[in-house]
Every structure is written in C-alpha cells, then in structure tokens.
Amino acid sequence: MSKNQDLPIYKATYDLMLSLMNYVKNMEKGYKQLIGNKLLDECSESILMIYKANYARGKERVNCINLLKNKLEVLQLLIRLSKDLRLISIKQFSNLIEIQDSINKQINGWLKYAKDTIEAKM
C-alpha cells in the first residue's frame, strides 16, 4: 500500500482541486456560494474517498471506489454547468475535463483491480 500522496490518482485529484480553487475565486458572488462551494466540497470529498479506498480492503474498497466515481460524476455535471453559465472559460473547462478524464481512467482501472482481487480470493 502506497502513501496516498504517492498515488497518481491522488495527485491528479489534488491538481483538480487546485485548479478549481483558482477558478472558483473568480466566480460571481452568488454563483461562488451556490456552485463554487459545491465544486470544492465534492472535490475535497473525492480526495478523502481516495484516502479511504487506499486503506480499505475487499468489498469495502470497491464500495469506496464506487462512491468516488459518483462524486466525480457530480463534479463533471457541476463543471459543465459552470461552463454553460460562463463562470469558467472554455480553456478552463478543457483543462478540468482533461484532468477528470485522467482520474476516471485511473478509477476504472482501480475498480477492476479491486473486483479481480475479490474474485481471486473466492
């Protein structure tokens, strides 16, 4: 088990959080409170879920990874909404989606590995 900070998925999610923090600080006040705070909350919860999944085993790990997938789907929706409301630029949107695609690929691989590990023990 690696330290969380050494995991590529942790690093990518941390980068996503930093980018979001920079983008949210420039949002209009009303949207910052409604959408911006939700973006930051979902992202910080995703980082915590990575921590939990890294230390969990078996079905608990699979459950944590599935919760992480759900968090990232909510984030994707909020990021798209931010773009559609012009709270972030197309370039910023593209940057966030690129990071998120990387995270999603890693989640899918991690989930497959976790499920395969459970099946191998049966």
C-alpha atoms as a PDB file:
ATOM      1  CA  MET A   1       0.000   0.000   0.000  1.00  0.00           C
ATOM      2  CA  SER A   2       1.447   3.321  -1.049  1.00  0.00           C
ATOM      3  CA  LYS A   3       1.156   6.541   0.778  1.00  0.00           C
ATOM      4  CA  ASN A   4      -1.804   8.472  -0.545  1.00  0.00           C
ATOM      5  CA  GLN A   5       0.337  11.354  -1.755  1.00  0.00           C
ATOM      6  CA  ASP A   6       2.293   8.948  -3.982  1.00  0.00           C
ATOM      7  CA  LEU A   7      -0.787   7.664  -5.808  1.00  0.00           C
ATOM      8  CA  PRO A   8      -1.234   9.136  -9.310  1.00  0.00           C
ATOM      9  CA  ILE A   9      -4.998   9.368  -8.736  1.00  0.00           C
ATOM     10  CA  TYR A  10      -4.403  11.373  -5.555  1.00  0.00           C
ATOM     11  CA  LYS A  11      -2.027  13.723  -7.389  1.00  0.00           C
ATOM     12  CA  ALA A  12      -4.492  14.222 -10.259  1.00  0.00           C
ATOM     13  CA  THR A  13      -7.398  14.882  -7.878  1.00  0.00           C
ATOM     14  CA  TYR A  14      -5.245  17.291  -5.894  1.00  0.00           C
ATOM     15  CA  ASP A  15      -4.410  19.128  -9.152  1.00  0.00           C
ATOM     16  CA  LEU A  16      -8.120  19.248  -9.942  1.00  0.00           C
ATOM     17  CA  MET A  17      -8.768  20.782  -6.515  1.00  0.00           C
ATOM     18  CA  LEU A  18      -6.071  23.438  -7.016  1.00  0.00           C
ATOM     19  CA  SER A  19      -7.461  24.362 -10.433  1.00  0.00           C
ATOM     20  CA  LEU A  20     -10.995  24.559  -9.072  1.00  0.00           C
ATOM     21  CA  MET A  21      -9.874  26.762  -6.183  1.00  0.00           C
ATOM     22  CA  ASN A  22      -8.301  29.201  -8.630  1.00  0.00           C
ATOM     23  CA  TYR A  23     -11.385  29.232 -10.875  1.00  0.00           C
ATOM     24  CA  VAL A  24     -13.946  29.495  -8.072  1.00  0.00           C
ATOM     25  CA  LYS A  25     -12.299  32.541  -6.504  1.00  0.00           C
ATOM     26  CA  ASN A  26     -13.103  34.486  -9.687  1.00  0.00           C
ATOM     27  CA  MET A  27     -16.786  33.488  -9.877  1.00  0.00           C
ATOM     28  CA  GLU A  28     -19.555  35.977  -9.208  1.00  0.00           C
ATOM     29  CA  LYS A  29     -20.550  36.038  -5.542  1.00  0.00           C
ATOM     30  CA  GLY A  30     -23.942  34.344  -5.946  1.00  0.00           C
ATOM     31  CA  TYR A  31     -22.564  31.544  -8.102  1.00  0.00           C
ATOM     32  CA  LYS A  32     -19.476  31.197  -5.933  1.00  0.00           C
ATOM     33  CA  GLN A  33     -21.642  30.322  -2.951  1.00  0.00           C
ATOM     34  CA  LEU A  34     -24.018  28.046  -4.849  1.00  0.00           C
ATOM     35  CA  ILE A  35     -21.870  26.267  -7.437  1.00  0.00           C
ATOM     36  CA  GLY A  36     -18.320  27.105  -6.429  1.00  0.00           C
ATOM     37  CA  ASN A  37     -18.622  25.807  -2.887  1.00  0.00           C
ATOM     38  CA  LYS A  38     -20.308  22.623  -4.121  1.00  0.00           C
ATOM     39  CA  LEU A  39     -17.454  22.062  -6.603  1.00  0.00           C
ATOM     40  CA  LEU A  40     -14.876  22.429  -3.852  1.00  0.00           C
ATOM     41  CA  ASP A  41     -16.846  20.256  -1.421  1.00  0.00           C
ATOM     42  CA  GLU A  42     -17.230  17.414  -3.938  1.00  0.00           C
ATOM     43  CA  CYS A  43     -13.566  17.585  -4.865  1.00  0.00           C
ATOM     44  CA  SER A  44     -12.357  17.571  -1.262  1.00  0.00           C
ATOM     45  CA  GLU A  45     -14.677  14.639  -0.508  1.00  0.00           C
ATOM     46  CA  SER A  46     -13.169  12.847  -3.523  1.00  0.00           C
ATOM     47  CA  ILE A  47      -9.691  13.269  -2.071  1.00  0.00           C
ATOM     48  CA  LEU A  48     -10.909  11.848   1.240  1.00  0.00           C
ATOM     49  CA  MET A  49     -12.553   8.924  -0.575  1.00  0.00           C
ATOM     50  CA  ILE A  50      -9.237   8.123  -2.282  1.00  0.00           C
ATOM     51  CA  TYR A  51      -7.632   8.010   1.155  1.00  0.00           C
ATOM     52  CA  LYS A  52     -10.354   5.675   2.462  1.00  0.00           C
ATOM     53  CA  ALA A  53     -10.239   3.416  -0.604  1.00  0.00           C
ATOM     54  CA  ASN A  54      -6.457   3.121  -0.389  1.00  0.00           C
ATOM     55  CA  TYR A  55      -6.675   1.742   3.150  1.00  0.00           C
ATOM     56  CA  ALA A  56      -9.828  -0.334   2.676  1.00  0.00           C
ATOM     57  CA  ARG A  57      -9.836  -3.963   1.584  1.00  0.00           C
ATOM     58  CA  GLY A  58     -12.188  -6.225  -0.348  1.00  0.00           C
ATOM     59  CA  LYS A  59     -15.784  -5.149  -0.792  1.00  0.00           C
ATOM     60  CA  GLU A  60     -15.235  -2.061   1.344  1.00  0.00           C
ATOM     61  CA  ARG A  61     -12.607  -0.873  -1.165  1.00  0.00           C
ATOM     62  CA  VAL A  62     -14.993  -1.498  -4.077  1.00  0.00           C
ATOM     63  CA  ASN A  63     -17.702   0.497  -2.264  1.00  0.00           C
ATOM     64  CA  CYS A  64     -15.307   3.400  -1.648  1.00  0.00           C
ATOM     65  CA  ILE A  65     -14.221   3.439  -5.288  1.00  0.00           C
ATOM     66  CA  ASN A  66     -17.855   3.403  -6.441  1.00  0.00           C
ATOM     67  CA  LEU A  67     -18.602   6.342  -4.136  1.00  0.00           C
ATOM     68  CA  LEU A  68     -15.594   8.119  -5.613  1.00  0.00           C
ATOM     69  CA  LYS A  69     -16.964   7.510  -9.120  1.00  0.00           C
ATOM     70  CA  ASN A  70     -20.274   9.057  -8.066  1.00  0.00           C
ATOM     71  CA  LYS A  71     -18.528  12.115  -6.614  1.00  0.00           C
ATOM     72  CA  LEU A  72     -16.671  12.638  -9.873  1.00  0.00           C
ATOM     73  CA  GLU A  73     -19.886  12.368 -11.893  1.00  0.00           C
ATOM     74  CA  VAL A  74     -21.378  15.135  -9.749  1.00  0.00           C
ATOM     75  CA  LEU A  75     -18.191  17.165 -10.268  1.00  0.00           C
ATOM     76  CA  GLN A  76     -18.418  16.652 -14.023  1.00  0.00           C
ATOM     77  CA  LEU A  77     -22.004  17.931 -14.004  1.00  0.00           C
ATOM     78  CA  LEU A  78     -21.067  20.993 -11.940  1.00  0.00           C
ATOM     79  CA  ILE A  79     -18.078  21.746 -14.174  1.00  0.00           C
ATOM     80  CA  ARG A  80     -20.263  21.543 -17.263  1.00  0.00           C
ATOM     81  CA  LEU A  81     -22.846  23.799 -15.611  1.00  0.00           C
ATOM     82  CA  SER A  82     -20.084  26.274 -14.774  1.00  0.00           C
ATOM     83  CA  LYS A  83     -19.032  26.342 -18.415  1.00  0.00           C
ATOM     84  CA  ASP A  84     -22.606  26.715 -19.677  1.00  0.00           C
ATOM     85  CA  LEU A  85     -23.193  29.622 -17.289  1.00  0.00           C
ATOM     86  CA  ARG A  86     -19.880  31.120 -18.435  1.00  0.00           C
ATOM     87  CA  LEU A  87     -18.461  31.025 -14.933  1.00  0.00           C
ATOM     88  CA  ILE A  88     -15.341  29.392 -16.358  1.00  0.00           C
ATOM     89  CA  SER A  89     -13.798  29.797 -19.784  1.00  0.00           C
ATOM     90  CA  ILE A  90     -13.670  27.124 -22.476  1.00  0.00           C
ATOM     91  CA  LYS A  91      -9.925  26.784 -21.819  1.00  0.00           C
ATOM     92  CA  GLN A  92     -10.516  26.298 -18.098  1.00  0.00           C
ATOM     93  CA  PHE A  93     -13.280  23.796 -18.853  1.00  0.00           C
ATOM     94  CA  SER A  94     -10.975  21.896 -21.171  1.00  0.00           C
ATOM     95  CA  ASN A  95      -8.258  21.802 -18.507  1.00  0.00           C
ATOM     96  CA  LEU A  96     -10.658  20.469 -15.883  1.00  0.00           C
ATOM     97  CA  ILE A  97     -12.108  17.826 -18.204  1.00  0.00           C
ATOM     98  CA  GLU A  98      -8.625  16.648 -19.168  1.00  0.00           C
ATOM     99  CA  ILE A  99      -7.718  16.153 -15.504  1.00  0.00           C
ATOM    100  CA  GLN A 100     -11.038  14.494 -14.832  1.00  0.00           C
ATOM    101  CA  ASP A 101     -10.620  12.084 -17.757  1.00  0.00           C
ATOM    102  CA  SER A 102      -7.286  11.014 -16.301  1.00  0.00           C
ATOM    103  CA  ILE A 103      -8.893  10.459 -12.904  1.00  0.00           C
ATOM    104  CA  ASN A 104     -11.772   8.468 -14.415  1.00  0.00           C
ATOM    105  CA  LYS A 105      -9.382   6.150 -16.258  1.00  0.00           C
ATOM    106  CA  GLN A 106      -7.475   5.532 -13.045  1.00  0.00           C
ATOM    107  CA  ILE A 107     -10.691   4.901 -11.108  1.00  0.00           C
ATOM    108  CA  ASN A 108     -11.875   2.362 -13.665  1.00  0.00           C
ATOM    109  CA  GLY A 109      -8.542   0.545 -13.508  1.00  0.00           C
ATOM    110  CA  TRP A 110      -8.529   0.618  -9.710  1.00  0.00           C
ATOM    111  CA  LEU A 111     -12.110  -0.673  -9.592  1.00  0.00           C
ATOM    112  CA  LYS A 112     -11.312  -3.532 -11.978  1.00  0.00           C
ATOM    113  CA  TYR A 113      -8.268  -4.465  -9.917  1.00  0.00           C
ATOM    114  CA  ALA A 114     -10.269  -4.377  -6.666  1.00  0.00           C
ATOM    115  CA  LYS A 115     -13.019  -6.576  -8.132  1.00  0.00           C
ATOM    116  CA  ASP A 116     -10.481  -9.006  -9.622  1.00  0.00           C
ATOM    117  CA  THR A 117      -8.765  -9.271  -6.246  1.00  0.00           C
ATOM    118  CA  ILE A 118     -12.066 -10.191  -4.563  1.00  0.00           C
ATOM    119  CA  GLU A 119     -12.818 -12.808  -7.228  1.00  0.00           C
ATOM    120  CA  ALA A 120      -9.338 -14.318  -6.938  1.00  0.00           C
ATOM    121  CA  LYS A 121      -9.871 -14.895  -3.213  1.00  0.00           C
ATOM    122  CA  MET A 122     -13.076 -16.857  -3.829  1.00  0.00           C
END
